[in-house]
Amino acid sequence: MKSKLYITVLLLFLVILFASCIKQNIPYNADSIFTESEQKEWVYQVIRYAGHLAPRATHDTKFSSEFDAHYRELAEKHKLNFIYSYPESGEQYFLITRQAPSLYDRRVAIAGMLLLDENGELVHYEEKFRTWKLSPDELMEKSKILFSKLVAGEDLSPFYPENSGDEEYIEFPDQYTSFDVDKREWVTTRYSITSETSSSN
């Protein structure tokens, strides 16, 4: 019990510390890098992984052109907030947010890393974390902290649900759930989870 209290106090201290150091216009802010239309196109290229399945689609058929209209509409409901690229490796780190089903105003964030080939085709997609449903202000405050640590290559496990005490940061991954890079979807040993079910978070 004392260790959980200690971890909670430590995380609260980190929130205050990082929040005081990170300005509103952090260098990852997508609004200062891309136009609105460019952001929408960027989201569209990953929405079949980050968003829920289209009705009647499966993970094997979701790339069919018959679902393009659905995924265009779904991409409009997501916002690219942060992005950071490493020129040497070509790795692009991103964080997008969307409205969450809730009686209150809640949003969730999805952060990950991708690689494009010389033709601009996506060759690697990996989600690093998804957050809990949070109020917009709380989500952005915590997302700045998590994303800054992510691009710096720092350990995010203290923010996992089994380690963060009563403070909510990351919902996935947890001790049961991880991202399968080959399948490009979340998998768990506890129950069946897909992009469709996780989209309700």
C-alpha atoms as a PDB file:
ATOM      1  CA  MET A   1       0.000   0.000   0.000  1.00  0.00           C
ATOM      2  CA  LYS A   2       2.846   2.367   0.867  1.00  0.00           C
ATOM      3  CA  SER A   3       4.630   1.543  -2.395  1.00  0.00           C
ATOM      4  CA  LYS A   4       1.488   2.392  -4.395  1.00  0.00           C
ATOM      5  CA  LEU A   5       1.123   5.676  -2.530  1.00  0.00           C
ATOM      6  CA  TYR A   6       4.791   6.444  -3.192  1.00  0.00           C
ATOM      7  CA  ILE A   7       4.397   5.726  -6.914  1.00  0.00           C
ATOM      8  CA  THR A   8       1.281   7.911  -7.093  1.00  0.00           C
ATOM      9  CA  VAL A   9       3.031  10.813  -5.361  1.00  0.00           C
ATOM     10  CA  LEU A  10       6.072  10.381  -7.624  1.00  0.00           C
ATOM     11  CA  LEU A  11       3.952  10.396 -10.774  1.00  0.00           C
ATOM     12  CA  LEU A  12       2.074  13.488  -9.630  1.00  0.00           C
ATOM     13  CA  PHE A  13       5.425  15.190  -9.052  1.00  0.00           C
ATOM     14  CA  LEU A  14       6.538  14.209 -12.564  1.00  0.00           C
ATOM     15  CA  VAL A  15       3.330  15.623 -14.037  1.00  0.00           C
ATOM     16  CA  ILE A  16       3.933  18.966 -12.355  1.00  0.00           C
ATOM     17  CA  LEU A  17       7.614  18.953 -13.304  1.00  0.00           C
ATOM     18  CA  PHE A  18       7.115  18.116 -16.963  1.00  0.00           C
ATOM     19  CA  ALA A  19       4.072  20.364 -17.308  1.00  0.00           C
ATOM     20  CA  SER A  20       6.152  23.279 -16.089  1.00  0.00           C
ATOM     21  CA  CYS A  21       8.911  22.500 -18.607  1.00  0.00           C
ATOM     22  CA  ILE A  22       6.824  21.746 -21.692  1.00  0.00           C
ATOM     23  CA  LYS A  23       5.388  24.801 -23.426  1.00  0.00           C
ATOM     24  CA  GLN A  24       2.086  24.857 -25.242  1.00  0.00           C
ATOM     25  CA  ASN A  25       3.810  24.950 -28.635  1.00  0.00           C
ATOM     26  CA  ILE A  26       6.093  22.000 -28.142  1.00  0.00           C
ATOM     27  CA  PRO A  27       8.258  21.091 -31.175  1.00  0.00           C
ATOM     28  CA  TYR A  28       6.050  18.067 -31.874  1.00  0.00           C
ATOM     29  CA  ASN A  29       2.902  20.102 -32.453  1.00  0.00           C
ATOM     30  CA  ALA A  30       1.398  18.894 -35.739  1.00  0.00           C
ATOM     31  CA  ASP A  31      -0.372  22.237 -36.284  1.00  0.00           C
ATOM     32  CA  SER A  32       3.012  23.916 -36.700  1.00  0.00           C
ATOM     33  CA  ILE A  33       4.258  21.251 -39.141  1.00  0.00           C
ATOM     34  CA  PHE A  34       1.299  20.290 -41.345  1.00  0.00           C
ATOM     35  CA  THR A  35      -1.712  22.080 -42.762  1.00  0.00           C
ATOM     36  CA  GLU A  36      -5.132  20.809 -41.718  1.00  0.00           C
ATOM     37  CA  SER A  37      -5.588  18.939 -45.008  1.00  0.00           C
ATOM     38  CA  GLU A  38      -2.121  17.385 -44.707  1.00  0.00           C
ATOM     39  CA  GLN A  39      -2.969  16.216 -41.194  1.00  0.00           C
ATOM     40  CA  LYS A  40      -6.170  14.597 -42.430  1.00  0.00           C
ATOM     41  CA  GLU A  41      -4.303  12.765 -45.187  1.00  0.00           C
ATOM     42  CA  TRP A  42      -1.715  11.626 -42.662  1.00  0.00           C
ATOM     43  CA  VAL A  43      -4.398  10.228 -40.371  1.00  0.00           C
ATOM     44  CA  TYR A  44      -6.100   8.508 -43.289  1.00  0.00           C
ATOM     45  CA  GLN A  45      -2.987   6.457 -44.044  1.00  0.00           C
ATOM     46  CA  VAL A  46      -3.110   4.830 -40.587  1.00  0.00           C
ATOM     47  CA  ILE A  47      -6.827   4.884 -39.804  1.00  0.00           C
ATOM     48  CA  ARG A  48      -7.394   1.254 -40.815  1.00  0.00           C
ATOM     49  CA  TYR A  49      -5.045   0.309 -37.968  1.00  0.00           C
ATOM     50  CA  ALA A  50      -5.872   3.005 -35.426  1.00  0.00           C
ATOM     51  CA  GLY A  51      -9.639   3.017 -35.960  1.00  0.00           C
ATOM     52  CA  HIS A  52     -12.331   0.413 -35.547  1.00  0.00           C
ATOM     53  CA  LEU A  53     -13.277  -1.990 -38.300  1.00  0.00           C
ATOM     54  CA  ALA A  54     -15.782  -0.884 -40.897  1.00  0.00           C
ATOM     55  CA  PRO A  55     -19.136  -2.702 -40.750  1.00  0.00           C
ATOM     56  CA  ARG A  56     -18.844  -6.079 -42.501  1.00  0.00           C
ATOM     57  CA  ALA A  57     -15.058  -5.687 -42.777  1.00  0.00           C
ATOM     58  CA  THR A  58     -12.465  -8.022 -41.298  1.00  0.00           C
ATOM     59  CA  HIS A  59      -8.778  -7.437 -40.719  1.00  0.00           C
ATOM     60  CA  ASP A  60      -8.181  -9.279 -43.995  1.00  0.00           C
ATOM     61  CA  THR A  61     -10.673  -7.233 -46.040  1.00  0.00           C
ATOM     62  CA  LYS A  62     -10.513  -3.768 -44.428  1.00  0.00           C
ATOM     63  CA  PHE A  63      -8.176  -2.469 -47.162  1.00  0.00           C
ATOM     64  CA  SER A  64     -10.756  -3.127 -49.869  1.00  0.00           C
ATOM     65  CA  SER A  65     -11.789   0.039 -51.748  1.00  0.00           C
ATOM     66  CA  GLU A  66     -15.421  -0.604 -50.818  1.00  0.00           C
ATOM     67  CA  PHE A  67     -14.587   0.619 -47.309  1.00  0.00           C
ATOM     68  CA  ASP A  68     -12.740   3.779 -48.402  1.00  0.00           C
ATOM     69  CA  ALA A  69     -15.700   6.089 -47.714  1.00  0.00           C
ATOM     70  CA  HIS A  70     -16.108   4.672 -44.218  1.00  0.00           C
ATOM     71  CA  TYR A  71     -12.462   5.169 -43.353  1.00  0.00           C
ATOM     72  CA  ARG A  72     -12.404   8.664 -44.849  1.00  0.00           C
ATOM     73  CA  GLU A  73     -15.282   9.581 -42.550  1.00  0.00           C
ATOM     74  CA  LEU A  74     -13.599   7.885 -39.601  1.00  0.00           C
ATOM     75  CA  ALA A  75     -10.327   9.745 -40.230  1.00  0.00           C
ATOM     76  CA  GLU A  76     -12.232  13.028 -39.976  1.00  0.00           C
ATOM     77  CA  LYS A  77     -13.064  12.121 -36.370  1.00  0.00           C
ATOM     78  CA  HIS A  78      -9.383  11.799 -35.431  1.00  0.00           C
ATOM     79  CA  LYS A  79      -6.856  14.552 -34.855  1.00  0.00           C
ATOM     80  CA  LEU A  80      -3.103  14.365 -35.411  1.00  0.00           C
ATOM     81  CA  ASN A  81      -1.748  16.229 -32.400  1.00  0.00           C
ATOM     82  CA  PHE A  82       1.950  15.409 -32.212  1.00  0.00           C
ATOM     83  CA  ILE A  83       4.489  14.092 -34.708  1.00  0.00           C
ATOM     84  CA  TYR A  84       8.255  13.741 -34.624  1.00  0.00           C
ATOM     85  CA  SER A  85      10.599  12.270 -37.245  1.00  0.00           C
ATOM     86  CA  TYR A  86      14.129  10.949 -36.974  1.00  0.00           C
ATOM     87  CA  PRO A  87      15.799  11.776 -40.343  1.00  0.00           C
ATOM     88  CA  GLU A  88      18.536   9.170 -39.886  1.00  0.00           C
ATOM     89  CA  SER A  89      16.190   6.202 -39.442  1.00  0.00           C
ATOM     90  CA  GLY A  90      13.045   7.600 -41.047  1.00  0.00           C
ATOM     91  CA  GLU A  91      11.023   6.701 -37.956  1.00  0.00           C
ATOM     92  CA  GLN A  92       7.935   8.846 -37.468  1.00  0.00           C
ATOM     93  CA  TYR A  93       6.472   9.015 -33.973  1.00  0.00           C
ATOM     94  CA  PHE A  94       2.884  10.203 -33.737  1.00  0.00           C
ATOM     95  CA  LEU A  95       0.040  10.835 -31.336  1.00  0.00           C
ATOM     96  CA  ILE A  96      -3.555  11.112 -32.518  1.00  0.00           C
ATOM     97  CA  THR A  97      -6.693  11.681 -30.467  1.00  0.00           C
ATOM     98  CA  ARG A  98     -10.384  11.026 -30.919  1.00  0.00           C
ATOM     99  CA  GLN A  99     -13.652  11.493 -29.059  1.00  0.00           C
ATOM    100  CA  ALA A 100     -14.481   8.591 -26.750  1.00  0.00           C
ATOM    101  CA  PRO A 101     -17.980   7.200 -26.121  1.00  0.00           C
ATOM    102  CA  SER A 102     -18.928   8.703 -22.775  1.00  0.00           C
ATOM    103  CA  LEU A 103     -21.644  10.603 -20.933  1.00  0.00           C
ATOM    104  CA  TYR A 104     -19.025  13.315 -20.463  1.00  0.00           C
ATOM    105  CA  ASP A 105     -16.551  15.047 -22.775  1.00  0.00           C
ATOM    106  CA  ARG A 106     -13.767  12.471 -22.940  1.00  0.00           C
ATOM    107  CA  ARG A 107     -11.047  11.739 -25.467  1.00  0.00           C
ATOM    108  CA  VAL A 108      -8.391   9.058 -25.899  1.00  0.00           C
ATOM    109  CA  ALA A 109      -4.905   9.243 -27.396  1.00  0.00           C
ATOM    110  CA  ILE A 110      -3.122   6.685 -29.563  1.00  0.00           C
ATOM    111  CA  ALA A 111       0.653   6.950 -29.916  1.00  0.00           C
ATOM    112  CA  GLY A 112       2.961   4.938 -32.101  1.00  0.00           C
ATOM    113  CA  MET A 113       5.753   4.763 -34.628  1.00  0.00           C
ATOM    114  CA  LEU A 114       5.749   4.076 -38.346  1.00  0.00           C
ATOM    115  CA  LEU A 115       8.142   3.810 -41.270  1.00  0.00           C
ATOM    116  CA  LEU A 116       7.524   4.649 -44.929  1.00  0.00           C
ATOM    117  CA  ASP A 117       9.514   3.358 -47.886  1.00  0.00           C
ATOM    118  CA  GLU A 118      10.995   5.540 -50.640  1.00  0.00           C
ATOM    119  CA  ASN A 119       7.621   5.486 -52.418  1.00  0.00           C
ATOM    120  CA  GLY A 120       5.767   6.703 -49.363  1.00  0.00           C
ATOM    121  CA  GLU A 121       4.229   3.294 -48.663  1.00  0.00           C
ATOM    122  CA  LEU A 122       3.768   2.280 -45.044  1.00  0.00           C
ATOM    123  CA  VAL A 123       6.098  -0.631 -44.249  1.00  0.00           C
ATOM    124  CA  HIS A 124       5.999  -0.605 -40.455  1.00  0.00           C
ATOM    125  CA  TYR A 125       3.250   0.377 -38.013  1.00  0.00           C
ATOM    126  CA  GLU A 126       3.512  -0.040 -34.294  1.00  0.00           C
ATOM    127  CA  GLU A 127       1.319   1.433 -31.581  1.00  0.00           C
ATOM    128  CA  LYS A 128       3.215   2.243 -28.406  1.00  0.00           C
ATOM    129  CA  PHE A 129       0.284   3.063 -26.134  1.00  0.00           C
ATOM    130  CA  ARG A 130      -3.363   4.011 -25.855  1.00  0.00           C
ATOM    131  CA  THR A 131      -4.593   6.156 -23.009  1.00  0.00           C
ATOM    132  CA  TRP A 132      -7.632   5.931 -20.797  1.00  0.00           C
ATOM    133  CA  LYS A 133     -10.657   8.129 -21.504  1.00  0.00           C
ATOM    134  CA  LEU A 134      -9.720  11.547 -20.129  1.00  0.00           C
ATOM    135  CA  SER A 135     -11.078  15.076 -20.254  1.00  0.00           C
ATOM    136  CA  PRO A 136      -9.562  17.041 -23.175  1.00  0.00           C
ATOM    137  CA  ASP A 137      -7.371  19.220 -20.948  1.00  0.00           C
ATOM    138  CA  GLU A 138      -6.110  16.324 -18.834  1.00  0.00           C
ATOM    139  CA  LEU A 139      -5.502  14.224 -21.929  1.00  0.00           C
ATOM    140  CA  MET A 140      -3.368  16.879 -23.608  1.00  0.00           C
ATOM    141  CA  GLU A 141      -1.370  17.553 -20.450  1.00  0.00           C
ATOM    142  CA  LYS A 142      -0.587  13.872 -19.969  1.00  0.00           C
ATOM    143  CA  SER A 143      -0.096  13.243 -23.691  1.00  0.00           C
ATOM    144  CA  LYS A 144       2.654  15.875 -23.842  1.00  0.00           C
ATOM    145  CA  ILE A 145       4.481  14.130 -21.023  1.00  0.00           C
ATOM    146  CA  LEU A 146       4.076  10.647 -22.469  1.00  0.00           C
ATOM    147  CA  PHE A 147       4.954  11.642 -26.020  1.00  0.00           C
ATOM    148  CA  SER A 148       8.040  13.586 -24.956  1.00  0.00           C
ATOM    149  CA  LYS A 149       9.265  10.531 -23.080  1.00  0.00           C
ATOM    150  CA  LEU A 150       8.369   8.245 -25.989  1.00  0.00           C
ATOM    151  CA  VAL A 151      10.428  10.130 -28.589  1.00  0.00           C
ATOM    152  CA  ALA A 152      13.301  10.386 -26.111  1.00  0.00           C
ATOM    153  CA  GLY A 153      13.322   6.588 -25.823  1.00  0.00           C
ATOM    154  CA  GLU A 154      12.477   6.628 -22.121  1.00  0.00           C
ATOM    155  CA  ASP A 155      10.737   3.835 -20.243  1.00  0.00           C
ATOM    156  CA  LEU A 156       6.951   4.275 -20.126  1.00  0.00           C
ATOM    157  CA  SER A 157       6.240   1.306 -17.868  1.00  0.00           C
ATOM    158  CA  PRO A 158       5.809   3.500 -14.746  1.00  0.00           C
ATOM    159  CA  PHE A 159       2.714   4.894 -16.498  1.00  0.00           C
ATOM    160  CA  TYR A 160       1.184   1.469 -17.232  1.00  0.00           C
ATOM    161  CA  PRO A 161      -2.042   0.754 -15.296  1.00  0.00           C
ATOM    162  CA  GLU A 162      -0.417  -1.801 -12.997  1.00  0.00           C
ATOM    163  CA  ASN A 163       2.231   0.756 -11.963  1.00  0.00           C
ATOM    164  CA  SER A 164       0.515   4.152 -11.954  1.00  0.00           C
ATOM    165  CA  GLY A 165      -1.606   3.733  -8.843  1.00  0.00           C
ATOM    166  CA  ASP A 166      -4.824   5.755  -8.862  1.00  0.00           C
ATOM    167  CA  GLU A 167      -3.572   8.108 -11.585  1.00  0.00           C
ATOM    168  CA  GLU A 168      -4.739   7.174 -15.098  1.00  0.00           C
ATOM    169  CA  TYR A 169      -2.300   7.479 -17.986  1.00  0.00           C
ATOM    170  CA  ILE A 170      -1.862   4.465 -20.260  1.00  0.00           C
ATOM    171  CA  GLU A 171      -4.557   1.795 -20.616  1.00  0.00           C
ATOM    172  CA  PHE A 172      -2.618  -0.372 -23.111  1.00  0.00           C
ATOM    173  CA  PRO A 173      -0.139  -1.978 -22.949  1.00  0.00           C
ATOM    174  CA  ASP A 174      -0.610  -3.626 -19.589  1.00  0.00           C
ATOM    175  CA  GLN A 175       0.483  -6.905 -18.033  1.00  0.00           C
ATOM    176  CA  TYR A 176      -1.920  -8.811 -20.312  1.00  0.00           C
ATOM    177  CA  THR A 177      -2.074  -6.692 -23.457  1.00  0.00           C
ATOM    178  CA  SER A 178       0.579  -5.860 -26.053  1.00  0.00           C
ATOM    179  CA  PHE A 179       0.784  -4.691 -29.644  1.00  0.00           C
ATOM    180  CA  ASP A 180       1.523  -7.390 -32.203  1.00  0.00           C
ATOM    181  CA  VAL A 181       3.727  -5.731 -34.830  1.00  0.00           C
ATOM    182  CA  ASP A 182       3.157  -8.476 -37.406  1.00  0.00           C
ATOM    183  CA  LYS A 183      -0.640  -8.384 -37.082  1.00  0.00           C
ATOM    184  CA  ARG A 184      -0.607  -4.621 -36.478  1.00  0.00           C
ATOM    185  CA  GLU A 185      -3.212  -4.912 -33.755  1.00  0.00           C
ATOM    186  CA  TRP A 186      -3.483  -5.247 -29.999  1.00  0.00           C
ATOM    187  CA  VAL A 187      -3.537  -8.777 -28.602  1.00  0.00           C
ATOM    188  CA  THR A 188      -4.170  -9.979 -25.084  1.00  0.00           C
ATOM    189  CA  THR A 189      -3.974 -13.126 -23.019  1.00  0.00           C
ATOM    190  CA  ARG A 190      -7.025 -12.087 -21.020  1.00  0.00           C
ATOM    191  CA  TYR A 191      -9.787 -11.775 -23.612  1.00  0.00           C
ATOM    192  CA  SER A 192     -10.225 -11.106 -27.337  1.00  0.00           C
ATOM    193  CA  ILE A 193      -9.484  -7.534 -28.324  1.00  0.00           C
ATOM    194  CA  THR A 194      -9.509  -5.937 -31.777  1.00  0.00           C
ATOM    195  CA  SER A 195      -9.300  -2.416 -33.097  1.00  0.00           C
ATOM    196  CA  GLU A 196     -13.085  -2.414 -33.071  1.00  0.00           C
ATOM    197  CA  THR A 197     -13.422  -3.251 -29.375  1.00  0.00           C
ATOM    198  CA  SER A 198     -10.533  -1.023 -28.344  1.00  0.00           C
ATOM    199  CA  SER A 199     -12.099   1.914 -30.175  1.00  0.00           C
ATOM    200  CA  SER A 200     -14.707   2.146 -27.434  1.00  0.00           C
ATOM    201  CA  ASN A 201     -12.029   3.047 -24.875  1.00  0.00           C
END
